[in-house]
Amino acid sequence: MASGGAPRPTVSRRREVSGASARSLLMTVLGEYVLPRDRPVWTATLVDTLAFFDVEEKSARQALARTAAEGWLVSERVGRRVRWSLTAPGRRLLTEGARRIYEFGRDHGDWDGRWLMVLLTVPESQRDLRHRVRTRLTWAGLGSPAPGVWIGPDTGRQADVEAIIAELDIGGPVLSFLAEYGRIGDEAAMIGRAWDLTELEAHYEQFIDKFTGLRPQPGQATLHAQTRLVHEWRRFPFLDPQLPTRLLPATWSGAKAADLFRAQHTAWTVAALSYWDSLAAAEAA
């Protein structure tokens, strides 16, 4: 196993990361390091990398097994060891995820004032379906200002929403509109009911505080910082509908956070990938 090259990680035993968090961290590692290299990776490399984030070995192996069961990874036994490769669906999933993460926060130009509106109802008795509908529509950038009503500022997401509705097989009637806000009521109040911008901005401020001025040493520290940077940025496409500038508070922190993410990611990429390569080479020795 790792007889030379990169040192074994120093693992903190203060807490054990939950299974869901372990799997989420694994997906970040796969997207940030395995996808760009596009070659098999040993179990020990992934387990050791997750150990940098206080993920116990048992939880790391369970995360690998669950990810494989979902069709994103495939294993290959080589003697007494196992290595993992991304499946074709796994590569597509991570490629799309990377595109969305790295492009998120960029200025998309002037807004034409039109909203995408979707009307649909899922019975309270179908709680699992209600949860999946809410999760998927939120990821597509929509918010719900009233029961059964979903809105989003990007009318180009209509095809995405159509695919979500077809995939989830909602069953009941679904209506959609592309429309401007009328004279009745208050557009800002509608936005406030659909999205909690105060809480969202607090998350952006926390991100800015955490990563501004951070200069990790080359090696494990840079890989740790880069992984945390991407892992924490991953949640913003889910939280932020990317409202047009004229609908946001004047001191909105989202743009500053996006600039910080891109600057730090660019600064750390080469060193983080280099350390990842050293970990992989040590396990292959």
C-alpha atoms as a PDB file:
ATOM      1  CA  MET A   1       0.000   0.000   0.000  1.00  0.00           C
ATOM      2  CA  ALA A   2       1.285   3.541   0.657  1.00  0.00           C
ATOM      3  CA  SER A   3       4.967   2.673   1.106  1.00  0.00           C
ATOM      4  CA  GLY A   4       6.254   6.015  -0.137  1.00  0.00           C
ATOM      5  CA  GLY A   5       5.266   9.386  -1.522  1.00  0.00           C
ATOM      6  CA  ALA A   6       2.508  11.223   0.288  1.00  0.00           C
ATOM      7  CA  PRO A   7       2.180  10.636   4.047  1.00  0.00           C
ATOM      8  CA  ARG A   8      -0.822   8.943   5.591  1.00  0.00           C
ATOM      9  CA  PRO A   9      -3.404  11.453   6.754  1.00  0.00           C
ATOM     10  CA  THR A  10      -3.632  12.570  10.333  1.00  0.00           C
ATOM     11  CA  VAL A  11      -7.200  11.740  11.341  1.00  0.00           C
ATOM     12  CA  SER A  12      -9.094  13.598  14.015  1.00  0.00           C
ATOM     13  CA  ARG A  13     -11.326  11.367  16.156  1.00  0.00           C
ATOM     14  CA  ARG A  14     -13.269  14.193  17.764  1.00  0.00           C
ATOM     15  CA  ARG A  15     -16.431  13.447  15.842  1.00  0.00           C
ATOM     16  CA  GLU A  16     -17.745  11.130  13.200  1.00  0.00           C
ATOM     17  CA  VAL A  17     -19.203  12.662  10.041  1.00  0.00           C
ATOM     18  CA  SER A  18     -22.712  11.463   9.240  1.00  0.00           C
ATOM     19  CA  GLY A  19     -23.287   9.009   6.414  1.00  0.00           C
ATOM     20  CA  ALA A  20     -25.052  11.629   4.313  1.00  0.00           C
ATOM     21  CA  SER A  21     -22.211  14.100   4.828  1.00  0.00           C
ATOM     22  CA  ALA A  22     -19.636  11.421   4.017  1.00  0.00           C
ATOM     23  CA  ARG A  23     -21.375  10.647   0.739  1.00  0.00           C
ATOM     24  CA  SER A  24     -21.677  14.354  -0.091  1.00  0.00           C
ATOM     25  CA  LEU A  25     -17.954  14.862   0.560  1.00  0.00           C
ATOM     26  CA  LEU A  26     -17.194  11.811  -1.580  1.00  0.00           C
ATOM     27  CA  MET A  27     -19.122  13.346  -4.486  1.00  0.00           C
ATOM     28  CA  THR A  28     -17.091  16.548  -4.099  1.00  0.00           C
ATOM     29  CA  VAL A  29     -13.837  14.571  -4.162  1.00  0.00           C
ATOM     30  CA  LEU A  30     -14.962  12.562  -7.203  1.00  0.00           C
ATOM     31  CA  GLY A  31     -15.940  15.697  -9.097  1.00  0.00           C
ATOM     32  CA  GLU A  32     -12.873  17.723  -8.177  1.00  0.00           C
ATOM     33  CA  TYR A  33     -10.109  15.093  -8.545  1.00  0.00           C
ATOM     34  CA  VAL A  34     -11.308  11.812 -10.045  1.00  0.00           C
ATOM     35  CA  LEU A  35     -13.322  13.311 -12.914  1.00  0.00           C
ATOM     36  CA  PRO A  36     -10.473  15.494 -14.292  1.00  0.00           C
ATOM     37  CA  ARG A  37      -7.965  12.604 -14.182  1.00  0.00           C
ATOM     38  CA  ASP A  38     -10.430  10.046 -15.636  1.00  0.00           C
ATOM     39  CA  ARG A  39      -8.608   6.975 -14.335  1.00  0.00           C
ATOM     40  CA  PRO A  40      -9.353   4.353 -11.663  1.00  0.00           C
ATOM     41  CA  VAL A  41      -8.639   5.230  -8.042  1.00  0.00           C
ATOM     42  CA  TRP A  42      -7.893   2.837  -5.186  1.00  0.00           C
ATOM     43  CA  THR A  43     -10.227   2.506  -2.228  1.00  0.00           C
ATOM     44  CA  ALA A  44      -7.420   3.531   0.127  1.00  0.00           C
ATOM     45  CA  THR A  45      -6.871   6.813  -1.741  1.00  0.00           C
ATOM     46  CA  LEU A  46     -10.523   7.773  -1.336  1.00  0.00           C
ATOM     47  CA  VAL A  47     -10.704   6.571   2.276  1.00  0.00           C
ATOM     48  CA  ASP A  48      -7.521   8.448   3.180  1.00  0.00           C
ATOM     49  CA  THR A  49      -8.740  11.630   1.497  1.00  0.00           C
ATOM     50  CA  LEU A  50     -12.084  11.527   3.304  1.00  0.00           C
ATOM     51  CA  ALA A  51     -10.169  10.990   6.556  1.00  0.00           C
ATOM     52  CA  PHE A  52      -8.817  14.542   6.159  1.00  0.00           C
ATOM     53  CA  PHE A  53     -12.402  15.649   6.882  1.00  0.00           C
ATOM     54  CA  ASP A  54     -12.962  13.420   9.936  1.00  0.00           C
ATOM     55  CA  VAL A  55     -14.811  10.746   7.969  1.00  0.00           C
ATOM     56  CA  GLU A  56     -14.285   7.380   9.658  1.00  0.00           C
ATOM     57  CA  GLU A  57     -13.183   4.495   7.446  1.00  0.00           C
ATOM     58  CA  LYS A  58     -16.473   2.638   7.947  1.00  0.00           C
ATOM     59  CA  SER A  59     -18.472   5.681   6.846  1.00  0.00           C
ATOM     60  CA  ALA A  60     -16.183   6.214   3.844  1.00  0.00           C
ATOM     61  CA  ARG A  61     -16.615   2.628   2.681  1.00  0.00           C
ATOM     62  CA  GLN A  62     -20.372   2.839   3.153  1.00  0.00           C
ATOM     63  CA  ALA A  63     -20.427   6.038   1.079  1.00  0.00           C
ATOM     64  CA  LEU A  64     -18.525   4.250  -1.695  1.00  0.00           C
ATOM     65  CA  ALA A  65     -20.953   1.326  -1.597  1.00  0.00           C
ATOM     66  CA  ARG A  66     -24.009   3.599  -1.739  1.00  0.00           C
ATOM     67  CA  THR A  67     -22.564   5.650  -4.579  1.00  0.00           C
ATOM     68  CA  ALA A  68     -21.850   2.461  -6.534  1.00  0.00           C
ATOM     69  CA  ALA A  69     -25.357   1.151  -5.815  1.00  0.00           C
ATOM     70  CA  GLU A  70     -26.761   4.347  -7.329  1.00  0.00           C
ATOM     71  CA  GLY A  71     -24.840   3.670 -10.523  1.00  0.00           C
ATOM     72  CA  TRP A  72     -22.212   6.422 -10.344  1.00  0.00           C
ATOM     73  CA  LEU A  73     -19.194   4.190  -9.598  1.00  0.00           C
ATOM     74  CA  VAL A  74     -18.084   0.693 -10.566  1.00  0.00           C
ATOM     75  CA  SER A  75     -15.489  -1.378  -8.685  1.00  0.00           C
ATOM     76  CA  GLU A  76     -12.743  -3.653  -9.971  1.00  0.00           C
ATOM     77  CA  ARG A  77     -10.811  -6.108  -7.791  1.00  0.00           C
ATOM     78  CA  VAL A  78      -7.081  -6.308  -8.388  1.00  0.00           C
ATOM     79  CA  GLY A  79      -5.642  -9.024  -6.163  1.00  0.00           C
ATOM     80  CA  ARG A  80      -6.722  -8.178  -2.632  1.00  0.00           C
ATOM     81  CA  ARG A  81      -7.392  -4.528  -3.429  1.00  0.00           C
ATOM     82  CA  VAL A  82     -10.278  -2.682  -5.083  1.00  0.00           C
ATOM     83  CA  ARG A  83     -10.203   0.319  -7.343  1.00  0.00           C
ATOM     84  CA  TRP A  84     -13.083   2.449  -8.531  1.00  0.00           C
ATOM     85  CA  SER A  85     -13.996   4.097 -11.823  1.00  0.00           C
ATOM     86  CA  LEU A  86     -16.751   6.513 -12.733  1.00  0.00           C
ATOM     87  CA  THR A  87     -19.505   5.032 -14.833  1.00  0.00           C
ATOM     88  CA  ALA A  88     -20.717   6.871 -17.935  1.00  0.00           C
ATOM     89  CA  PRO A  89     -23.765   8.182 -16.011  1.00  0.00           C
ATOM     90  CA  GLY A  90     -21.453   9.146 -13.155  1.00  0.00           C
ATOM     91  CA  ARG A  91     -19.228  11.165 -15.485  1.00  0.00           C
ATOM     92  CA  ARG A  92     -22.266  12.905 -16.957  1.00  0.00           C
ATOM     93  CA  LEU A  93     -23.646  13.703 -13.505  1.00  0.00           C
ATOM     94  CA  LEU A  94     -20.359  15.132 -12.242  1.00  0.00           C
ATOM     95  CA  THR A  95     -19.631  16.999 -15.476  1.00  0.00           C
ATOM     96  CA  GLU A  96     -23.007  18.724 -15.309  1.00  0.00           C
ATOM     97  CA  GLY A  97     -22.524  19.380 -11.609  1.00  0.00           C
ATOM     98  CA  ALA A  98     -19.072  20.872 -12.213  1.00  0.00           C
ATOM     99  CA  ARG A  99     -20.424  23.084 -14.999  1.00  0.00           C
ATOM    100  CA  ARG A 100     -23.135  24.412 -12.750  1.00  0.00           C
ATOM    101  CA  ILE A 101     -20.819  24.914  -9.762  1.00  0.00           C
ATOM    102  CA  TYR A 102     -18.068  26.703 -11.698  1.00  0.00           C
ATOM    103  CA  GLU A 103     -20.421  28.869 -13.755  1.00  0.00           C
ATOM    104  CA  PHE A 104     -22.733  29.732 -10.884  1.00  0.00           C
ATOM    105  CA  GLY A 105     -22.709  33.385  -9.892  1.00  0.00           C
ATOM    106  CA  ARG A 106     -21.697  34.785 -13.268  1.00  0.00           C
ATOM    107  CA  ASP A 107     -23.603  37.772 -14.632  1.00  0.00           C
ATOM    108  CA  HIS A 108     -26.156  36.548 -17.182  1.00  0.00           C
ATOM    109  CA  GLY A 109     -26.920  39.993 -18.607  1.00  0.00           C
ATOM    110  CA  ASP A 110     -30.120  41.989 -18.666  1.00  0.00           C
ATOM    111  CA  TRP A 111     -33.386  40.413 -17.522  1.00  0.00           C
ATOM    112  CA  ASP A 112     -36.445  40.811 -19.721  1.00  0.00           C
ATOM    113  CA  GLY A 113     -38.817  41.022 -16.733  1.00  0.00           C
ATOM    114  CA  ARG A 114     -40.533  37.691 -17.398  1.00  0.00           C
ATOM    115  CA  TRP A 115     -41.102  34.964 -14.828  1.00  0.00           C
ATOM    116  CA  LEU A 116     -41.527  31.250 -15.345  1.00  0.00           C
ATOM    117  CA  MET A 117     -44.601  30.230 -13.331  1.00  0.00           C
ATOM    118  CA  VAL A 118     -45.632  26.627 -12.698  1.00  0.00           C
ATOM    119  CA  LEU A 119     -48.875  25.576 -11.006  1.00  0.00           C
ATOM    120  CA  LEU A 120     -49.006  22.051  -9.600  1.00  0.00           C
ATOM    121  CA  THR A 121     -50.416  20.270  -6.591  1.00  0.00           C
ATOM    122  CA  VAL A 122     -49.185  17.099  -4.896  1.00  0.00           C
ATOM    123  CA  PRO A 123     -51.523  15.648  -2.237  1.00  0.00           C
ATOM    124  CA  GLU A 124     -50.346  15.793   1.379  1.00  0.00           C
ATOM    125  CA  SER A 125     -50.668  11.993   1.487  1.00  0.00           C
ATOM    126  CA  GLN A 126     -47.808  11.696  -1.042  1.00  0.00           C
ATOM    127  CA  ARG A 127     -45.156  13.150   1.236  1.00  0.00           C
ATOM    128  CA  ASP A 128     -42.210  11.484  -0.464  1.00  0.00           C
ATOM    129  CA  LEU A 129     -43.267  12.828  -3.857  1.00  0.00           C
ATOM    130  CA  ARG A 130     -43.874  16.290  -2.367  1.00  0.00           C
ATOM    131  CA  HIS A 131     -40.352  16.280  -0.985  1.00  0.00           C
ATOM    132  CA  ARG A 132     -38.822  15.216  -4.298  1.00  0.00           C
ATOM    133  CA  VAL A 133     -40.808  17.838  -6.215  1.00  0.00           C
ATOM    134  CA  ARG A 134     -39.689  20.569  -3.825  1.00  0.00           C
ATOM    135  CA  THR A 135     -36.061  19.428  -3.934  1.00  0.00           C
ATOM    136  CA  ARG A 136     -35.882  19.192  -7.716  1.00  0.00           C
ATOM    137  CA  LEU A 137     -37.733  22.446  -8.442  1.00  0.00           C
ATOM    138  CA  THR A 138     -35.609  24.298  -5.898  1.00  0.00           C
ATOM    139  CA  TRP A 139     -32.469  22.946  -7.588  1.00  0.00           C
ATOM    140  CA  ALA A 140     -33.892  24.253 -10.879  1.00  0.00           C
ATOM    141  CA  GLY A 141     -33.977  27.762  -9.372  1.00  0.00           C
ATOM    142  CA  LEU A 142     -37.671  27.987  -8.533  1.00  0.00           C
ATOM    143  CA  GLY A 143     -39.272  29.149  -5.301  1.00  0.00           C
ATOM    144  CA  SER A 144     -42.790  28.810  -3.956  1.00  0.00           C
ATOM    145  CA  PRO A 145     -44.521  32.040  -2.811  1.00  0.00           C
ATOM    146  CA  ALA A 146     -47.835  30.225  -2.230  1.00  0.00           C
ATOM    147  CA  PRO A 147     -49.006  26.597  -2.021  1.00  0.00           C
ATOM    148  CA  GLY A 148     -49.042  25.003  -5.462  1.00  0.00           C
ATOM    149  CA  VAL A 149     -47.289  27.972  -7.106  1.00  0.00           C
ATOM    150  CA  TRP A 150     -43.651  27.919  -8.242  1.00  0.00           C
ATOM    151  CA  ILE A 151     -41.812  30.817  -9.831  1.00  0.00           C
ATOM    152  CA  GLY A 152     -38.355  31.423 -11.275  1.00  0.00           C
ATOM    153  CA  PRO A 153     -36.665  34.377 -13.027  1.00  0.00           C
ATOM    154  CA  ASP A 154     -34.990  32.225 -15.699  1.00  0.00           C
ATOM    155  CA  THR A 155     -37.521  31.320 -18.381  1.00  0.00           C
ATOM    156  CA  GLY A 156     -34.838  29.235 -20.054  1.00  0.00           C
ATOM    157  CA  ARG A 157     -35.299  26.626 -17.308  1.00  0.00           C
ATOM    158  CA  GLN A 158     -38.712  25.643 -18.667  1.00  0.00           C
ATOM    159  CA  ALA A 159     -37.284  22.561 -20.396  1.00  0.00           C
ATOM    160  CA  ASP A 160     -35.572  21.495 -17.156  1.00  0.00           C
ATOM    161  CA  VAL A 161     -38.814  21.837 -15.222  1.00  0.00           C
ATOM    162  CA  GLU A 162     -40.683  19.912 -17.919  1.00  0.00           C
ATOM    163  CA  ALA A 163     -38.173  17.057 -17.624  1.00  0.00           C
ATOM    164  CA  ILE A 164     -38.477  17.039 -13.831  1.00  0.00           C
ATOM    165  CA  ILE A 165     -42.269  16.835 -13.970  1.00  0.00           C
ATOM    166  CA  ALA A 166     -42.124  14.001 -16.513  1.00  0.00           C
ATOM    167  CA  GLU A 167     -39.506  12.080 -14.532  1.00  0.00           C
ATOM    168  CA  LEU A 168     -41.345  12.358 -11.209  1.00  0.00           C
ATOM    169  CA  ASP A 169     -44.654  11.330 -12.817  1.00  0.00           C
ATOM    170  CA  ILE A 170     -46.691  13.816 -10.780  1.00  0.00           C
ATOM    171  CA  GLY A 171     -49.925  12.638 -12.290  1.00  0.00           C
ATOM    172  CA  GLY A 172     -52.102  15.656 -11.543  1.00  0.00           C
ATOM    173  CA  PRO A 173     -52.584  18.672 -13.817  1.00  0.00           C
ATOM    174  CA  VAL A 174     -49.616  20.988 -14.262  1.00  0.00           C
ATOM    175  CA  LEU A 175     -49.853  24.472 -15.798  1.00  0.00           C
ATOM    176  CA  SER A 176     -47.038  26.796 -16.802  1.00  0.00           C
ATOM    177  CA  PHE A 177     -46.844  30.446 -17.835  1.00  0.00           C
ATOM    178  CA  LEU A 178     -44.228  32.933 -18.983  1.00  0.00           C
ATOM    179  CA  ALA A 179     -45.434  36.258 -17.661  1.00  0.00           C
ATOM    180  CA  GLU A 180     -44.526  39.687 -16.325  1.00  0.00           C
ATOM    181  CA  TYR A 181     -45.589  40.730 -12.847  1.00  0.00           C
ATOM    182  CA  GLY A 182     -48.791  42.798 -12.942  1.00  0.00           C
ATOM    183  CA  ARG A 183     -49.855  45.954 -11.097  1.00  0.00           C
ATOM    184  CA  ILE A 184     -51.709  44.136  -8.315  1.00  0.00           C
ATOM    185  CA  GLY A 185     -49.683  43.213  -5.247  1.00  0.00           C
ATOM    186  CA  ASP A 186     -45.994  43.725  -4.583  1.00  0.00           C
ATOM    187  CA  GLU A 187     -43.240  41.916  -6.504  1.00  0.00           C
ATOM    188  CA  ALA A 188     -40.733  42.298  -3.661  1.00  0.00           C
ATOM    189  CA  ALA A 189     -43.196  40.696  -1.237  1.00  0.00           C
ATOM    190  CA  MET A 190     -43.675  37.791  -3.641  1.00  0.00           C
ATOM    191  CA  ILE A 191     -39.914  37.284  -3.778  1.00  0.00           C
ATOM    192  CA  GLY A 192     -39.703  37.402   0.008  1.00  0.00           C
ATOM    193  CA  ARG A 193     -42.272  34.628   0.309  1.00  0.00           C
ATOM    194  CA  ALA A 194     -40.526  32.481  -2.298  1.00  0.00           C
ATOM    195  CA  TRP A 195     -36.954  32.845  -0.988  1.00  0.00           C
ATOM    196  CA  ASP A 196     -35.379  33.837   2.325  1.00  0.00           C
ATOM    197  CA  LEU A 197     -32.802  36.316   0.978  1.00  0.00           C
ATOM    198  CA  THR A 198     -31.730  37.409   4.469  1.00  0.00           C
ATOM    199  CA  GLU A 199     -30.682  33.885   5.397  1.00  0.00           C
ATOM    200  CA  LEU A 200     -29.086  33.363   1.990  1.00  0.00           C
ATOM    201  CA  GLU A 201     -26.987  36.499   2.348  1.00  0.00           C
ATOM    202  CA  ALA A 202     -25.877  35.349   5.804  1.00  0.00           C
ATOM    203  CA  HIS A 203     -24.591  32.125   4.196  1.00  0.00           C
ATOM    204  CA  TYR A 204     -22.696  34.173   1.619  1.00  0.00           C
ATOM    205  CA  GLU A 205     -21.146  36.323   4.352  1.00  0.00           C
ATOM    206  CA  GLN A 206     -20.032  33.206   6.233  1.00  0.00           C
ATOM    207  CA  PHE A 207     -18.439  31.856   3.050  1.00  0.00           C
ATOM    208  CA  ILE A 208     -16.620  35.159   2.485  1.00  0.00           C
ATOM    209  CA  ASP A 209     -15.376  35.255   6.082  1.00  0.00           C
ATOM    210  CA  LYS A 210     -14.128  31.677   5.919  1.00  0.00           C
ATOM    211  CA  PHE A 211     -12.177  31.842   2.661  1.00  0.00           C
ATOM    212  CA  THR A 212     -11.009  35.465   2.375  1.00  0.00           C
ATOM    213  CA  GLY A 213      -7.263  35.699   2.955  1.00  0.00           C
ATOM    214  CA  LEU A 214      -6.847  31.934   3.338  1.00  0.00           C
ATOM    215  CA  ARG A 215      -3.401  30.860   2.063  1.00  0.00           C
ATOM    216  CA  PRO A 216      -2.881  27.151   2.732  1.00  0.00           C
ATOM    217  CA  GLN A 217       0.548  25.566   2.552  1.00  0.00           C
ATOM    218  CA  PRO A 218       1.197  23.323  -0.486  1.00  0.00           C
ATOM    219  CA  GLY A 219       0.239  19.699   0.000  1.00  0.00           C
ATOM    220  CA  GLN A 220      -2.508  18.323   2.198  1.00  0.00           C
ATOM    221  CA  ALA A 221      -3.534  21.778   3.436  1.00  0.00           C
ATOM    222  CA  THR A 222      -4.232  22.999  -0.105  1.00  0.00           C
ATOM    223  CA  LEU A 223      -6.216  19.891  -1.021  1.00  0.00           C
ATOM    224  CA  HIS A 224      -8.206  20.311   2.195  1.00  0.00           C
ATOM    225  CA  ALA A 225      -8.889  23.997   1.467  1.00  0.00           C
ATOM    226  CA  GLN A 226      -9.825  23.376  -2.165  1.00  0.00           C
ATOM    227  CA  THR A 227     -12.186  20.542  -1.285  1.00  0.00           C
ATOM    228  CA  ARG A 228     -13.863  22.607   1.422  1.00  0.00           C
ATOM    229  CA  LEU A 229     -14.148  25.578  -0.934  1.00  0.00           C
ATOM    230  CA  VAL A 230     -15.925  23.540  -3.609  1.00  0.00           C
ATOM    231  CA  HIS A 231     -17.974  21.546  -1.110  1.00  0.00           C
ATOM    232  CA  GLU A 232     -19.366  24.671   0.530  1.00  0.00           C
ATOM    233  CA  TRP A 233     -19.904  26.470  -2.776  1.00  0.00           C
ATOM    234  CA  ARG A 234     -21.888  23.472  -4.085  1.00  0.00           C
ATOM    235  CA  ARG A 235     -24.874  24.377  -1.927  1.00  0.00           C
ATOM    236  CA  PHE A 236     -25.383  27.859  -3.368  1.00  0.00           C
ATOM    237  CA  PRO A 237     -26.912  26.780  -6.706  1.00  0.00           C
ATOM    238  CA  PHE A 238     -29.503  24.989  -4.577  1.00  0.00           C
ATOM    239  CA  LEU A 239     -30.123  27.963  -2.279  1.00  0.00           C
ATOM    240  CA  ASP A 240     -29.812  30.915  -4.655  1.00  0.00           C
ATOM    241  CA  PRO A 241     -32.289  31.422  -7.558  1.00  0.00           C
ATOM    242  CA  GLN A 242     -29.919  34.010  -9.064  1.00  0.00           C
ATOM    243  CA  LEU A 243     -32.445  36.796  -9.137  1.00  0.00           C
ATOM    244  CA  PRO A 244     -31.765  39.677 -11.531  1.00  0.00           C
ATOM    245  CA  THR A 245     -29.646  42.443 -10.018  1.00  0.00           C
ATOM    246  CA  ARG A 246     -32.512  44.936  -9.910  1.00  0.00           C
ATOM    247  CA  LEU A 247     -34.490  42.590  -7.628  1.00  0.00           C
ATOM    248  CA  LEU A 248     -31.661  42.169  -5.104  1.00  0.00           C
ATOM    249  CA  PRO A 249     -30.614  44.345  -2.152  1.00  0.00           C
ATOM    250  CA  ALA A 250     -28.114  47.066  -3.088  1.00  0.00           C
ATOM    251  CA  THR A 251     -25.359  45.519  -0.930  1.00  0.00           C
ATOM    252  CA  TRP A 252     -25.896  41.914  -2.080  1.00  0.00           C
ATOM    253  CA  SER A 253     -22.960  39.655  -1.097  1.00  0.00           C
ATOM    254  CA  GLY A 254     -23.513  36.947  -3.708  1.00  0.00           C
ATOM    255  CA  ALA A 255     -21.375  38.590  -6.392  1.00  0.00           C
ATOM    256  CA  LYS A 256     -18.478  39.125  -3.981  1.00  0.00           C
ATOM    257  CA  ALA A 257     -18.681  35.499  -2.859  1.00  0.00           C
ATOM    258  CA  ALA A 258     -18.678  34.274  -6.481  1.00  0.00           C
ATOM    259  CA  ASP A 259     -15.583  36.331  -7.284  1.00  0.00           C
ATOM    260  CA  LEU A 260     -13.854  34.943  -4.195  1.00  0.00           C
ATOM    261  CA  PHE A 261     -14.739  31.369  -5.126  1.00  0.00           C
ATOM    262  CA  ARG A 262     -13.336  31.690  -8.629  1.00  0.00           C
ATOM    263  CA  ALA A 263     -10.157  33.422  -7.459  1.00  0.00           C
ATOM    264  CA  GLN A 264      -9.349  30.886  -4.739  1.00  0.00           C
ATOM    265  CA  HIS A 265     -10.300  27.895  -6.874  1.00  0.00           C
ATOM    266  CA  THR A 266      -7.966  29.073  -9.629  1.00  0.00           C
ATOM    267  CA  ALA A 267      -5.174  29.753  -7.140  1.00  0.00           C
ATOM    268  CA  TRP A 268      -5.374  26.317  -5.504  1.00  0.00           C
ATOM    269  CA  THR A 269      -6.226  23.965  -8.377  1.00  0.00           C
ATOM    270  CA  VAL A 270      -2.713  23.021  -9.524  1.00  0.00           C
ATOM    271  CA  ALA A 271      -1.387  22.356  -6.014  1.00  0.00           C
ATOM    272  CA  ALA A 272      -4.501  20.430  -4.933  1.00  0.00           C
ATOM    273  CA  LEU A 273      -4.414  18.167  -8.006  1.00  0.00           C
ATOM    274  CA  SER A 274      -0.675  17.658  -7.561  1.00  0.00           C
ATOM    275  CA  TYR A 275      -1.173  16.430  -3.999  1.00  0.00           C
ATOM    276  CA  TRP A 276      -4.053  14.220  -5.122  1.00  0.00           C
ATOM    277  CA  ASP A 277      -1.737  12.694  -7.747  1.00  0.00           C
ATOM    278  CA  SER A 278       0.864  12.002  -5.056  1.00  0.00           C
ATOM    279  CA  LEU A 279      -1.731  10.227  -2.915  1.00  0.00           C
ATOM    280  CA  ALA A 280      -2.839   8.105  -5.869  1.00  0.00           C
ATOM    281  CA  ALA A 281       0.755   7.268  -6.838  1.00  0.00           C
ATOM    282  CA  ALA A 282       1.611   6.251  -3.262  1.00  0.00           C
ATOM    283  CA  GLU A 283      -1.286   3.781  -3.181  1.00  0.00           C
ATOM    284  CA  ALA A 284      -0.325   2.377  -6.572  1.00  0.00           C
ATOM    285  CA  ALA A 285       3.286   1.724  -5.486  1.00  0.00           C
END
